[in-house]
N, C-alpha and C. Protein backbone atom coordinates (compact mmCIF):
# COMPACT_ATOMS: atom_id res chain seq x y z
N MET A 1 0.95 -1.10 0.20
CA MET A 1 -0.04 -0.11 0.01
C MET A 1 0.82 1.46 -0.10
N LEU A 2 1.61 1.32 0.96
CA LEU A 2 2.93 2.49 0.54
C LEU A 2 3.50 2.66 -0.48
N LEU A 3 3.75 1.68 -1.50
CA LEU A 3 4.58 1.55 -2.80
C LEU A 3 3.50 2.34 -3.57
N GLN A 4 2.16 1.71 -3.19
CA GLN A 4 1.22 2.66 -4.34
C GLN A 4 1.17 4.08 -3.95
N TYR A 5 1.39 4.63 -2.85
CA TYR A 5 0.97 5.56 -2.25
C TYR A 5 2.16 6.64 -3.00
N THR A 6 3.47 6.14 -3.00
CA THR A 6 4.46 6.91 -3.45
C THR A 6 4.46 6.78 -4.66
N GLN A 7 4.20 5.47 -5.45
CA GLN A 7 3.86 6.07 -6.96
C GLN A 7 2.98 7.00 -7.42
N LYS A 8 1.68 6.69 -6.59
CA LYS A 8 0.88 7.78 -7.39
C LYS A 8 1.39 9.21 -6.88
N ALA A 9 2.20 9.47 -5.82
CA ALA A 9 2.32 10.69 -5.82
C ALA A 9 3.53 11.33 -6.70
N LEU A 10 4.46 10.06 -7.01
CA LEU A 10 5.49 10.35 -8.15
C LEU A 10 5.09 10.68 -9.37
N GLU A 11 4.04 10.36 -9.57
CA GLU A 11 3.02 10.44 -10.97
C GLU A 11 2.92 11.61 -11.39
N LYS A 12 2.80 12.53 -10.08
CA LYS A 12 2.27 14.09 -10.09
C LYS A 12 3.44 15.01 -9.81
N ALA A 13 4.54 14.36 -9.85
CA ALA A 13 5.89 15.10 -9.96
C ALA A 13 5.77 16.33 -10.94
N GLU A 14 6.51 17.13 -10.94
CA GLU A 14 6.60 18.29 -11.61
C GLU A 14 8.18 18.61 -11.88
N TYR A 15 8.90 18.44 -13.38
CA TYR A 15 10.28 18.55 -13.45
C TYR A 15 10.31 19.31 -14.06
N LYS A 16 11.74 20.46 -13.71
CA LYS A 16 12.01 21.58 -14.43
C LYS A 16 13.77 21.42 -14.77
N LYS A 17 14.12 21.45 -16.11
CA LYS A 17 15.33 21.78 -15.98
C LYS A 17 15.81 23.21 -15.55
N LEU A 18 16.92 23.43 -15.04
CA LEU A 18 17.32 24.66 -14.62
C LEU A 18 18.64 24.94 -15.56
N ASP A 19 18.83 26.55 -15.24
CA ASP A 19 19.41 27.10 -16.10
C ASP A 19 21.05 26.82 -16.01
N ASP A 20 21.45 25.94 -14.95
CA ASP A 20 22.85 25.61 -14.67
C ASP A 20 22.80 23.92 -14.90
N GLY A 21 22.01 23.61 -15.96
CA GLY A 21 21.89 22.22 -16.47
C GLY A 21 21.60 20.77 -15.54
N THR A 22 21.13 21.51 -14.25
CA THR A 22 20.78 20.58 -13.31
C THR A 22 19.18 20.54 -13.43
N TRP A 23 18.39 19.42 -12.67
CA TRP A 23 16.96 19.11 -12.63
C TRP A 23 16.19 19.29 -11.23
N PHE A 24 15.26 19.82 -11.23
CA PHE A 24 14.56 20.25 -10.10
C PHE A 24 13.28 19.63 -10.14
N ALA A 25 12.64 19.21 -8.67
CA ALA A 25 11.23 18.29 -9.25
C ALA A 25 10.55 18.66 -7.62
N GLU A 26 9.63 18.89 -7.88
CA GLU A 26 8.61 19.09 -6.45
C GLU A 26 7.26 18.16 -6.80
N ILE A 27 6.53 18.00 -5.98
CA ILE A 27 5.54 17.33 -6.18
C ILE A 27 3.89 18.00 -5.38
N PRO A 28 3.10 18.98 -6.38
CA PRO A 28 2.24 20.00 -6.01
C PRO A 28 1.46 19.50 -4.84
N GLY A 29 1.19 19.97 -3.47
CA GLY A 29 0.44 19.31 -2.66
C GLY A 29 1.28 18.86 -1.36
N PHE A 30 2.50 18.51 -1.64
CA PHE A 30 3.60 18.20 -0.77
C PHE A 30 4.59 18.87 -0.06
N GLU A 31 3.99 19.79 0.86
CA GLU A 31 5.01 20.91 1.40
C GLU A 31 6.38 20.35 1.85
N GLY A 32 7.36 21.09 1.20
CA GLY A 32 8.93 20.70 1.36
C GLY A 32 9.48 19.27 0.58
N VAL A 33 8.66 18.83 -0.12
CA VAL A 33 8.77 17.51 -1.04
C VAL A 33 9.58 18.38 -2.24
N TRP A 34 11.03 18.45 -2.32
CA TRP A 34 11.51 18.55 -3.34
C TRP A 34 12.69 18.05 -3.92
N ALA A 35 13.59 18.49 -4.69
CA ALA A 35 14.86 17.54 -5.12
C ALA A 35 15.48 18.59 -6.19
N ASN A 36 16.96 18.11 -6.39
CA ASN A 36 17.30 18.68 -7.39
C ASN A 36 18.88 17.77 -7.53
N GLY A 37 19.08 17.28 -8.78
CA GLY A 37 19.73 16.46 -9.23
C GLY A 37 20.55 16.88 -10.51
N ASN A 38 21.72 16.24 -10.95
CA ASN A 38 22.75 15.95 -11.96
C ASN A 38 21.81 15.59 -13.36
N THR A 39 20.61 14.73 -13.07
CA THR A 39 19.84 14.14 -14.21
C THR A 39 18.69 13.93 -13.55
N VAL A 40 17.46 13.59 -14.74
CA VAL A 40 16.32 13.48 -14.17
C VAL A 40 16.04 12.27 -13.54
N GLU A 41 17.13 11.45 -13.45
CA GLU A 41 16.92 9.81 -13.08
C GLU A 41 17.55 10.05 -11.52
N GLU A 42 18.57 10.94 -11.18
CA GLU A 42 19.10 11.44 -9.87
C GLU A 42 18.29 11.93 -9.16
N CYS A 43 17.75 13.13 -9.57
CA CYS A 43 16.46 13.55 -9.22
C CYS A 43 15.45 12.88 -8.93
N ARG A 44 14.60 12.24 -9.44
CA ARG A 44 13.54 11.27 -9.15
C ARG A 44 13.99 10.66 -8.04
N THR A 45 15.04 9.93 -8.06
CA THR A 45 15.71 9.40 -6.83
C THR A 45 15.65 9.81 -5.49
N GLU A 46 16.04 10.95 -5.66
CA GLU A 46 16.14 12.22 -4.36
C GLU A 46 14.80 12.33 -4.09
N LEU A 47 13.78 12.85 -5.09
CA LEU A 47 12.68 12.95 -4.68
C LEU A 47 11.78 11.45 -3.71
N LEU A 48 12.07 10.38 -4.12
CA LEU A 48 11.64 9.55 -3.82
C LEU A 48 12.00 9.38 -2.00
N GLU A 49 13.18 9.51 -1.86
CA GLU A 49 13.90 9.49 -0.90
C GLU A 49 13.43 10.87 0.56
N VAL A 50 13.14 12.14 -0.45
CA VAL A 50 12.78 12.97 0.30
C VAL A 50 10.91 12.25 0.59
N LEU A 51 10.25 11.99 -0.10
CA LEU A 51 9.04 11.90 0.21
C LEU A 51 8.42 10.61 1.22
N GLU A 52 9.71 9.48 1.43
CA GLU A 52 9.62 8.63 2.28
C GLU A 52 10.18 9.49 3.80
N GLU A 53 10.82 10.20 3.42
CA GLU A 53 11.31 10.73 4.71
C GLU A 53 10.01 11.46 5.44
N GLN A 54 9.17 12.01 4.62
CA GLN A 54 8.36 12.99 5.06
C GLN A 54 7.00 12.06 5.80
N GLU A 55 7.14 10.68 5.25
CA GLU A 55 5.80 10.05 5.64
C GLU A 55 6.38 9.01 6.98
N ARG A 56 7.21 9.01 7.30
CA ARG A 56 7.60 8.92 8.65
C ARG A 56 7.37 9.71 9.70
C-alpha cells in the first residue's frame, strides 16, 4: 500500500531543467518535498527519498 501511495505521488511530480543544467522536481500538494539532481533519474531518486522521509 505504501508503494502505491508513493507511486501515485511521484506521478504528480513536476520536473524542470534549470539554467545550470541540473533538474528540479517537486510534488504539488506536498509541502517541503522537492529535489535537485544532475539528471532526471538522480532527481527522481532524491525526490523519492524525500517523500519517504516525509511519511515517517
